[in-house]
């Protein structure tokens, strides 16, 4: 009788484990993007690989979306070529890709204006507090100068981008 119980429990455990094993084995490898292009006027972020589009996402920008970031607190999203300089797994905004803003040119421009160029520009999700907003977040530019997508979208982007990936932000 004891052997029968053992076989039933073993079969049940095997049955419960099989679906997760199949998922791991059948998972498609993630294609790594070699460039990110952000078009501010179109409110898009495009992942590129060898000059070809992998996927395009709709984004929200800083609350003052027109023109390049000039100084800390101006709520503008920078323009220019930057790099992903850090992956932030525990961001206030779910997860994030930190960008190399300010560049040397950004710092020089700010120095001439006698202001701080600011910093901490990221491509990020929404975070726990606002995750419920989902894609409705795109209806308004709401960041302090960052590029925002939904939490599901930043998870996709985060998985396909490595530290060092160039990020071109166009007007």
N, C-alpha and C. Protein backbone atom coordinates (compact mmCIF):
# COMPACT_ATOMS: atom_id res chain seq x y z
N UNK A 1 0.82 -1.18 0.00
CA UNK A 1 0.00 0.00 0.00
C UNK A 1 0.86 1.25 0.00
N UNK A 2 1.96 1.23 0.78
CA UNK A 2 2.85 2.38 0.85
C UNK A 2 3.50 2.69 -0.48
N UNK A 3 3.83 1.65 -1.27
CA UNK A 3 4.43 1.83 -2.57
C UNK A 3 3.50 2.49 -3.56
N UNK A 4 2.22 2.18 -3.47
CA UNK A 4 1.22 2.78 -4.36
C UNK A 4 1.11 4.27 -4.09
N UNK A 5 1.12 4.68 -2.84
CA UNK A 5 1.06 6.11 -2.49
C UNK A 5 2.28 6.83 -3.04
N UNK A 6 3.44 6.20 -2.91
CA UNK A 6 4.67 6.81 -3.41
C UNK A 6 4.60 7.03 -4.91
N UNK A 7 4.09 6.03 -5.65
CA UNK A 7 3.97 6.15 -7.11
C UNK A 7 2.99 7.27 -7.49
N UNK A 8 1.88 7.39 -6.75
CA UNK A 8 0.88 8.42 -7.04
C UNK A 8 1.49 9.80 -6.79
N UNK A 9 2.17 9.97 -5.67
CA UNK A 9 2.81 11.26 -5.34
C UNK A 9 3.89 11.57 -6.37
N UNK A 10 4.67 10.59 -6.76
CA UNK A 10 5.72 10.81 -7.75
C UNK A 10 5.15 11.20 -9.10
N UNK A 11 4.07 10.52 -9.51
CA UNK A 11 3.43 10.85 -10.78
C UNK A 11 2.86 12.26 -10.74
N UNK A 12 2.26 12.64 -9.60
CA UNK A 12 1.70 13.98 -9.44
C UNK A 12 2.79 15.04 -9.54
N UNK A 13 3.92 14.81 -8.88
CA UNK A 13 5.03 15.76 -8.94
C UNK A 13 5.56 15.87 -10.37
N UNK A 14 5.70 14.75 -11.05
CA UNK A 14 6.16 14.76 -12.43
C UNK A 14 5.19 15.55 -13.31
N UNK A 15 3.90 15.32 -13.14
CA UNK A 15 2.87 16.02 -13.90
C UNK A 15 2.95 17.53 -13.68
N UNK A 16 3.18 17.94 -12.42
CA UNK A 16 3.25 19.37 -12.10
C UNK A 16 4.52 20.02 -12.63
N UNK A 17 5.60 19.28 -12.71
CA UNK A 17 6.88 19.84 -13.16
C UNK A 17 7.03 19.88 -14.67
N UNK A 18 6.37 18.98 -15.39
CA UNK A 18 6.53 18.91 -16.84
C UNK A 18 6.23 20.22 -17.57
N UNK A 19 5.13 20.95 -17.25
CA UNK A 19 4.87 22.20 -17.98
C UNK A 19 6.01 23.21 -17.85
N UNK A 20 6.60 23.34 -16.68
CA UNK A 20 7.67 24.33 -16.53
C UNK A 20 8.93 23.87 -17.25
N UNK A 21 9.18 22.56 -17.28
CA UNK A 21 10.35 22.08 -18.01
C UNK A 21 10.20 22.35 -19.50
N UNK A 22 9.03 22.14 -20.03
CA UNK A 22 8.78 22.38 -21.45
C UNK A 22 8.97 23.83 -21.82
N UNK A 23 8.57 24.73 -20.95
CA UNK A 23 8.70 26.16 -21.24
C UNK A 23 10.17 26.55 -21.36
N UNK A 24 11.00 26.03 -20.46
CA UNK A 24 12.42 26.38 -20.52
C UNK A 24 13.05 25.86 -21.80
N UNK A 25 12.73 24.64 -22.18
CA UNK A 25 13.35 24.04 -23.35
C UNK A 25 12.87 24.64 -24.65
N UNK A 26 11.65 25.15 -24.69
CA UNK A 26 11.08 25.68 -25.93
C UNK A 26 11.25 27.19 -26.06
N UNK A 27 11.84 27.84 -25.09
CA UNK A 27 11.97 29.30 -25.13
C UNK A 27 12.89 29.71 -26.28
N UNK A 28 12.42 30.66 -27.07
CA UNK A 28 13.23 31.16 -28.18
C UNK A 28 14.29 32.11 -27.65
N UNK A 29 15.51 32.04 -28.16
CA UNK A 29 16.54 32.96 -27.70
C UNK A 29 16.18 34.39 -28.09
N UNK A 30 16.52 35.32 -27.21
CA UNK A 30 16.21 36.74 -27.46
C UNK A 30 17.23 37.33 -28.44
N UNK A 31 16.74 38.05 -29.42
CA UNK A 31 17.61 38.74 -30.37
C UNK A 31 18.12 40.00 -29.68
N UNK A 32 19.40 40.25 -29.75
CA UNK A 32 19.97 41.43 -29.11
C UNK A 32 19.99 42.61 -30.08
N UNK A 33 19.40 43.72 -29.65
CA UNK A 33 19.42 44.94 -30.44
C UNK A 33 20.82 45.52 -30.41
N UNK A 34 21.25 46.16 -31.52
CA UNK A 34 22.56 46.81 -31.53
C UNK A 34 22.43 48.34 -31.57
N UNK A 35 21.18 48.84 -31.54
CA UNK A 35 20.95 50.29 -31.55
C UNK A 35 19.50 50.55 -31.15
N UNK A 36 19.30 51.66 -30.47
CA UNK A 36 17.96 52.15 -30.15
C UNK A 36 17.83 53.52 -30.79
N UNK A 37 16.72 53.75 -31.51
CA UNK A 37 16.46 55.05 -32.11
C UNK A 37 15.14 55.56 -31.54
N UNK A 38 15.20 56.75 -30.96
CA UNK A 38 14.01 57.38 -30.39
C UNK A 38 13.69 58.61 -31.24
N UNK A 39 12.47 58.64 -31.74
CA UNK A 39 11.98 59.78 -32.52
C UNK A 39 11.01 60.55 -31.62
N UNK A 40 11.46 61.69 -31.10
CA UNK A 40 10.64 62.43 -30.16
C UNK A 40 9.32 62.89 -30.78
N UNK A 41 9.34 63.45 -31.98
CA UNK A 41 8.12 63.97 -32.60
C UNK A 41 7.09 62.86 -32.83
N UNK A 42 7.54 61.67 -33.18
CA UNK A 42 6.64 60.54 -33.42
C UNK A 42 6.32 59.78 -32.14
N UNK A 43 7.05 60.08 -31.07
CA UNK A 43 6.89 59.39 -29.78
C UNK A 43 7.11 57.89 -29.96
N UNK A 44 8.23 57.52 -30.60
CA UNK A 44 8.54 56.11 -30.81
C UNK A 44 9.96 55.78 -30.35
N UNK A 45 10.12 54.53 -29.95
CA UNK A 45 11.41 53.94 -29.63
C UNK A 45 11.50 52.70 -30.50
N UNK A 46 12.57 52.60 -31.30
CA UNK A 46 12.74 51.47 -32.20
C UNK A 46 14.02 50.72 -31.84
N UNK A 47 13.88 49.42 -31.63
CA UNK A 47 15.05 48.55 -31.45
C UNK A 47 15.53 48.13 -32.82
N UNK A 48 16.83 48.28 -33.07
CA UNK A 48 17.43 47.98 -34.37
C UNK A 48 18.47 46.88 -34.22
N UNK A 49 18.65 46.12 -35.30
CA UNK A 49 19.71 45.12 -35.40
C UNK A 49 20.21 45.13 -36.83
N UNK A 50 21.49 45.45 -37.02
CA UNK A 50 22.09 45.51 -38.36
C UNK A 50 21.29 46.39 -39.30
N UNK A 51 20.80 47.52 -38.82
CA UNK A 51 20.07 48.48 -39.64
C UNK A 51 18.61 48.12 -39.89
N UNK A 52 18.15 47.01 -39.34
CA UNK A 52 16.76 46.59 -39.54
C UNK A 52 15.97 46.73 -38.24
N UNK A 53 14.70 47.07 -38.39
CA UNK A 53 13.82 47.24 -37.24
C UNK A 53 13.45 45.89 -36.63
N UNK A 54 13.68 45.77 -35.32
CA UNK A 54 13.22 44.59 -34.59
C UNK A 54 11.80 44.82 -34.08
N UNK A 55 11.59 45.97 -33.45
CA UNK A 55 10.27 46.30 -32.91
C UNK A 55 10.24 47.79 -32.58
N UNK A 56 9.07 48.40 -32.73
CA UNK A 56 8.86 49.81 -32.40
C UNK A 56 7.81 49.91 -31.31
N UNK A 57 8.08 50.79 -30.34
CA UNK A 57 7.19 51.01 -29.20
C UNK A 57 6.76 52.47 -29.18
N UNK A 58 5.56 52.74 -28.71
CA UNK A 58 5.11 54.10 -28.47
C UNK A 58 5.61 54.50 -27.08
N UNK A 59 6.03 55.78 -26.94
CA UNK A 59 6.62 56.24 -25.68
C UNK A 59 6.00 57.55 -25.21
N UNK A 60 6.27 57.86 -23.96
CA UNK A 60 6.01 59.18 -23.40
C UNK A 60 7.37 59.81 -23.09
N UNK A 61 7.41 61.13 -23.17
CA UNK A 61 8.66 61.87 -22.97
C UNK A 61 8.53 62.80 -21.76
N UNK A 62 9.50 63.71 -21.65
CA UNK A 62 9.44 64.74 -20.62
C UNK A 62 8.25 65.67 -20.88
N UNK A 63 7.81 66.35 -19.84
CA UNK A 63 6.62 67.21 -19.95
C UNK A 63 6.83 68.39 -20.88
N UNK A 64 8.07 68.70 -21.24
CA UNK A 64 8.38 69.73 -22.24
C UNK A 64 9.12 69.00 -23.36
N UNK A 65 8.37 68.38 -24.28
CA UNK A 65 8.98 67.46 -25.25
C UNK A 65 9.74 68.11 -26.40
N UNK A 66 9.53 69.38 -26.66
CA UNK A 66 10.17 70.01 -27.82
C UNK A 66 11.50 70.64 -27.41
N UNK A 67 12.53 70.34 -28.19
CA UNK A 67 13.86 70.88 -27.94
C UNK A 67 14.69 69.96 -27.06
N UNK A 68 16.03 70.10 -27.17
CA UNK A 68 16.92 69.25 -26.38
C UNK A 68 17.01 69.71 -24.93
N UNK A 69 17.31 68.79 -24.05
CA UNK A 69 17.52 69.12 -22.64
C UNK A 69 18.66 70.12 -22.54
N UNK A 70 18.42 71.21 -21.81
CA UNK A 70 19.43 72.25 -21.63
C UNK A 70 20.00 72.25 -20.21
N UNK A 71 19.12 71.96 -19.25
CA UNK A 71 19.56 72.05 -17.85
C UNK A 71 18.68 71.20 -16.95
N UNK A 72 19.20 70.95 -15.77
CA UNK A 72 18.45 70.20 -14.77
C UNK A 72 17.12 70.88 -14.50
N UNK A 73 16.06 70.09 -14.44
CA UNK A 73 14.75 70.62 -14.09
C UNK A 73 13.95 71.21 -15.23
N UNK A 74 14.47 71.18 -16.47
CA UNK A 74 13.71 71.77 -17.59
C UNK A 74 12.67 70.81 -18.17
N UNK A 75 12.61 69.57 -17.67
CA UNK A 75 11.63 68.55 -18.07
C UNK A 75 11.70 68.20 -19.55
N UNK A 76 12.85 68.42 -20.17
CA UNK A 76 13.04 68.07 -21.58
C UNK A 76 13.81 66.75 -21.68
N UNK A 77 13.50 66.01 -22.74
CA UNK A 77 14.22 64.79 -23.06
C UNK A 77 15.41 65.19 -23.94
N UNK A 78 16.61 64.69 -23.62
CA UNK A 78 17.79 65.06 -24.41
C UNK A 78 17.66 64.67 -25.88
N UNK A 79 18.53 65.24 -26.70
CA UNK A 79 18.66 64.87 -28.10
C UNK A 79 20.14 64.65 -28.37
N UNK A 80 20.44 63.63 -29.16
CA UNK A 80 21.82 63.30 -29.47
C UNK A 80 22.05 61.81 -29.39
N UNK A 81 23.32 61.42 -29.39
CA UNK A 81 23.68 60.01 -29.30
C UNK A 81 24.28 59.74 -27.92
N UNK A 82 23.69 58.78 -27.24
CA UNK A 82 24.13 58.38 -25.90
C UNK A 82 24.31 56.87 -25.91
N UNK A 83 24.60 56.29 -24.78
CA UNK A 83 24.78 54.86 -24.65
C UNK A 83 24.05 54.38 -23.41
N UNK A 84 23.61 53.13 -23.44
CA UNK A 84 23.10 52.51 -22.23
C UNK A 84 24.33 52.28 -21.36
N UNK A 85 24.41 52.97 -20.23
CA UNK A 85 25.60 52.81 -19.39
C UNK A 85 25.33 51.97 -18.14
N UNK A 86 24.05 51.60 -17.93
CA UNK A 86 23.73 50.75 -16.79
C UNK A 86 22.33 50.16 -16.97
N UNK A 87 22.19 48.92 -16.58
CA UNK A 87 20.87 48.29 -16.50
C UNK A 87 20.47 48.37 -15.02
N UNK A 88 19.27 48.89 -14.77
CA UNK A 88 18.81 49.13 -13.39
C UNK A 88 17.67 48.15 -13.08
N UNK A 89 17.98 47.03 -12.42
CA UNK A 89 16.95 46.02 -12.19
C UNK A 89 15.92 46.40 -11.12
N UNK A 90 16.25 47.31 -10.24
CA UNK A 90 15.36 47.69 -9.15
C UNK A 90 15.01 49.17 -9.20
N UNK A 91 14.65 49.65 -10.37
CA UNK A 91 14.29 51.06 -10.54
C UNK A 91 12.97 51.37 -9.85
N UNK A 92 12.81 52.60 -9.45
CA UNK A 92 11.54 53.11 -8.94
C UNK A 92 10.45 52.92 -10.00
N UNK A 93 10.86 52.88 -11.27
CA UNK A 93 9.94 52.73 -12.41
C UNK A 93 10.02 51.32 -12.97
N UNK A 94 9.94 50.32 -12.11
CA UNK A 94 9.96 48.90 -12.44
C UNK A 94 11.40 48.46 -12.74
N UNK A 95 11.82 48.52 -14.00
CA UNK A 95 13.22 48.31 -14.38
C UNK A 95 13.57 49.41 -15.38
N UNK A 96 14.86 49.63 -15.58
CA UNK A 96 15.24 50.76 -16.44
C UNK A 96 16.58 50.53 -17.10
N UNK A 97 16.78 51.29 -18.19
CA UNK A 97 18.08 51.39 -18.86
C UNK A 97 18.56 52.83 -18.64
N UNK A 98 19.64 52.99 -17.93
CA UNK A 98 20.20 54.32 -17.66
C UNK A 98 21.04 54.76 -18.86
N UNK A 99 20.87 56.01 -19.27
CA UNK A 99 21.60 56.54 -20.43
C UNK A 99 22.78 57.40 -19.98
N UNK A 100 23.75 57.55 -20.87
CA UNK A 100 25.01 58.26 -20.58
C UNK A 100 24.88 59.78 -20.64
N UNK A 101 23.67 60.32 -20.61
CA UNK A 101 23.47 61.77 -20.53
C UNK A 101 23.94 62.25 -19.16
N UNK A 102 24.68 63.37 -19.08
CA UNK A 102 25.05 64.31 -20.14
C UNK A 102 26.35 63.91 -20.84
N UNK A 103 26.40 64.19 -22.13
CA UNK A 103 27.62 63.98 -22.90
C UNK A 103 28.56 65.16 -22.63
N UNK A 104 29.76 65.10 -23.17
CA UNK A 104 30.70 66.21 -23.03
C UNK A 104 30.11 67.49 -23.63
N UNK A 105 29.44 67.37 -24.78
CA UNK A 105 28.82 68.54 -25.42
C UNK A 105 27.69 69.10 -24.56
N UNK A 106 26.91 68.23 -23.94
CA UNK A 106 25.83 68.68 -23.04
C UNK A 106 26.41 69.42 -21.84
N UNK A 107 27.49 68.90 -21.27
CA UNK A 107 28.13 69.56 -20.11
C UNK A 107 28.70 70.92 -20.50
N UNK A 108 29.31 70.99 -21.68
CA UNK A 108 29.89 72.26 -22.14
C UNK A 108 28.80 73.29 -22.40
N UNK A 109 27.71 72.88 -23.02
CA UNK A 109 26.60 73.81 -23.27
C UNK A 109 26.05 74.34 -21.94
N UNK A 110 25.88 73.45 -20.98
CA UNK A 110 25.36 73.86 -19.67
C UNK A 110 26.35 74.78 -18.96
N UNK A 111 27.64 74.48 -19.08
CA UNK A 111 28.67 75.33 -18.45
C UNK A 111 28.58 76.75 -19.00
N UNK A 112 28.44 76.87 -20.33
CA UNK A 112 28.34 78.20 -20.95
C UNK A 112 27.09 78.95 -20.49
N UNK A 113 26.02 78.19 -20.18
CA UNK A 113 24.79 78.82 -19.70
C UNK A 113 24.83 79.07 -18.18
N UNK A 114 25.85 78.53 -17.53
CA UNK A 114 25.97 78.69 -16.09
C UNK A 114 24.96 77.86 -15.30
N UNK A 115 24.60 76.69 -15.86
CA UNK A 115 23.60 75.83 -15.21
C UNK A 115 24.11 74.40 -15.11
N UNK A 116 23.42 73.58 -14.34
CA UNK A 116 23.72 72.15 -14.27
C UNK A 116 23.00 71.46 -15.43
N UNK A 117 23.68 70.54 -16.14
CA UNK A 117 23.01 69.85 -17.24
C UNK A 117 21.96 68.84 -16.76
N UNK A 118 21.98 68.49 -15.49
CA UNK A 118 21.08 67.46 -14.99
C UNK A 118 21.64 66.09 -15.31
N UNK A 119 20.84 65.08 -15.13
CA UNK A 119 21.28 63.71 -15.38
C UNK A 119 20.18 62.73 -15.04
N UNK A 120 20.58 61.49 -14.83
CA UNK A 120 19.66 60.41 -14.47
C UNK A 120 18.55 60.22 -15.51
N UNK A 121 18.91 60.24 -16.77
CA UNK A 121 17.95 60.01 -17.86
C UNK A 121 17.90 58.51 -18.13
N UNK A 122 16.68 57.97 -18.17
CA UNK A 122 16.48 56.54 -18.34
C UNK A 122 15.37 56.24 -19.34
N UNK A 123 15.41 55.03 -19.87
CA UNK A 123 14.28 54.42 -20.55
C UNK A 123 13.70 53.51 -19.48
N UNK A 124 12.44 53.74 -19.10
CA UNK A 124 11.89 53.00 -17.96
C UNK A 124 10.42 52.68 -18.13
N UNK A 125 9.93 51.83 -17.21
CA UNK A 125 8.53 51.46 -17.15
C UNK A 125 7.78 52.42 -16.23
N UNK A 126 6.71 51.91 -15.65
CA UNK A 126 5.83 52.74 -14.83
C UNK A 126 6.00 52.51 -13.33
N UNK A 127 6.39 51.33 -12.94
CA UNK A 127 6.53 51.02 -11.53
C UNK A 127 5.22 50.59 -10.89
N UNK A 128 5.31 50.09 -9.67
CA UNK A 128 4.16 49.53 -8.96
C UNK A 128 3.02 50.53 -8.80
N UNK A 129 3.35 51.73 -8.44
CA UNK A 129 2.33 52.73 -8.14
C UNK A 129 1.43 53.04 -9.34
N UNK A 130 2.01 53.04 -10.54
CA UNK A 130 1.24 53.43 -11.72
C UNK A 130 1.14 52.34 -12.79
N UNK A 131 1.52 51.12 -12.47
CA UNK A 131 1.46 50.03 -13.45
C UNK A 131 0.06 49.85 -14.02
N UNK A 132 -0.94 50.11 -13.22
CA UNK A 132 -2.34 49.96 -13.67
C UNK A 132 -2.67 50.87 -14.86
N UNK A 133 -1.92 51.96 -15.03
CA UNK A 133 -2.18 52.90 -16.13
C UNK A 133 -1.89 52.23 -17.48
N UNK A 134 -0.89 51.36 -17.52
CA UNK A 134 -0.55 50.63 -18.73
C UNK A 134 -0.32 51.54 -19.93
N UNK A 135 -0.86 51.17 -21.08
CA UNK A 135 -0.62 51.92 -22.31
C UNK A 135 -1.28 53.29 -22.32
N UNK A 136 -2.18 53.55 -21.39
CA UNK A 136 -2.79 54.89 -21.32
C UNK A 136 -1.75 55.96 -20.96
N UNK A 137 -0.60 55.54 -20.41
CA UNK A 137 0.45 56.49 -20.07
C UNK A 137 0.94 57.26 -21.29
N UNK A 138 0.73 56.70 -22.47
CA UNK A 138 1.18 57.34 -23.71
C UNK A 138 0.33 58.55 -24.10
N UNK A 139 -0.78 58.75 -23.43
CA UNK A 139 -1.68 59.85 -23.79
C UNK A 139 -1.12 61.21 -23.42
N UNK A 140 -0.10 61.24 -22.57
CA UNK A 140 0.47 62.50 -22.12
C UNK A 140 1.96 62.32 -21.86
N UNK A 141 2.75 63.35 -22.14
CA UNK A 141 4.16 63.32 -21.77
C UNK A 141 4.24 63.69 -20.29
N UNK A 142 4.84 62.81 -19.49
CA UNK A 142 4.75 62.98 -18.04
C UNK A 142 6.07 62.85 -17.29
N UNK A 143 7.15 62.50 -17.95
CA UNK A 143 8.41 62.27 -17.22
C UNK A 143 9.17 63.59 -17.00
N UNK A 144 10.24 63.48 -16.23
CA UNK A 144 11.11 64.64 -16.00
C UNK A 144 12.18 64.77 -17.08
N UNK A 145 12.06 64.00 -18.16
CA UNK A 145 13.03 64.02 -19.26
C UNK A 145 13.39 62.63 -19.74
N UNK A 146 12.83 61.62 -19.09
CA UNK A 146 13.09 60.23 -19.46
C UNK A 146 12.19 59.80 -20.60
N UNK A 147 12.36 58.55 -21.01
CA UNK A 147 11.55 57.92 -22.05
C UNK A 147 10.81 56.79 -21.35
N UNK A 148 9.46 56.81 -21.36
CA UNK A 148 8.67 55.83 -20.63
C UNK A 148 7.88 54.93 -21.56
N UNK A 149 7.83 53.66 -21.19
CA UNK A 149 7.03 52.64 -21.86
C UNK A 149 6.29 51.88 -20.75
N UNK A 150 5.44 50.92 -21.12
CA UNK A 150 4.75 50.13 -20.10
C UNK A 150 5.74 49.17 -19.44
N UNK A 151 5.34 48.60 -18.32
CA UNK A 151 6.21 47.64 -17.62
C UNK A 151 6.48 46.41 -18.49
N UNK A 152 5.47 45.90 -19.18
CA UNK A 152 5.70 44.75 -20.06
C UNK A 152 6.69 45.10 -21.17
N UNK A 153 6.56 46.32 -21.73
CA UNK A 153 7.45 46.73 -22.81
C UNK A 153 8.88 46.91 -22.33
N UNK A 154 9.09 47.50 -21.15
CA UNK A 154 10.47 47.67 -20.67
C UNK A 154 11.10 46.31 -20.38
N UNK A 155 10.29 45.33 -20.00
CA UNK A 155 10.85 43.99 -19.80
C UNK A 155 11.35 43.42 -21.12
N UNK A 156 10.61 43.59 -22.21
CA UNK A 156 11.05 43.15 -23.54
C UNK A 156 12.32 43.88 -23.96
N UNK A 157 12.31 45.21 -23.82
CA UNK A 157 13.43 46.03 -24.24
C UNK A 157 14.67 45.69 -23.42
N UNK A 158 14.52 45.61 -22.12
CA UNK A 158 15.61 45.33 -21.18
C UNK A 158 16.31 44.01 -21.56
N UNK A 159 15.51 43.00 -21.93
CA UNK A 159 16.06 41.68 -22.28
C UNK A 159 16.85 41.71 -23.59
N UNK A 160 16.59 42.68 -24.46
CA UNK A 160 17.21 42.71 -25.78
C UNK A 160 18.33 43.74 -25.91
N UNK A 161 18.63 44.45 -24.82
CA UNK A 161 19.62 45.53 -24.88
C UNK A 161 20.73 45.27 -23.87
N UNK A 162 21.95 45.49 -24.30
CA UNK A 162 23.12 45.32 -23.42
C UNK A 162 23.69 46.68 -23.05
N UNK A 163 24.42 46.71 -21.95
CA UNK A 163 25.18 47.91 -21.59
C UNK A 163 26.13 48.21 -22.76
N UNK A 164 26.20 49.46 -23.16
CA UNK A 164 27.04 49.87 -24.28
C UNK A 164 26.27 50.09 -25.57
N UNK A 165 24.99 49.69 -25.61
CA UNK A 165 24.17 49.89 -26.81
C UNK A 165 23.98 51.37 -27.07
N UNK A 166 24.24 51.86 -28.31
CA UNK A 166 24.01 53.27 -28.62
C UNK A 166 22.51 53.58 -28.64
N UNK A 167 22.18 54.78 -28.18
CA UNK A 167 20.80 55.27 -28.16
C UNK A 167 20.80 56.63 -28.84
N UNK A 168 20.16 56.71 -30.00
CA UNK A 168 20.08 57.97 -30.74
C UNK A 168 18.71 58.57 -30.49
N UNK A 169 18.71 59.78 -29.94
CA UNK A 169 17.45 60.48 -29.66
C UNK A 169 17.36 61.64 -30.63
N UNK A 170 16.38 61.54 -31.54
CA UNK A 170 16.18 62.56 -32.57
C UNK A 170 14.99 63.45 -32.22
N UNK A 171 15.00 64.70 -32.73
CA UNK A 171 13.87 65.61 -32.45
C UNK A 171 12.53 65.06 -32.89
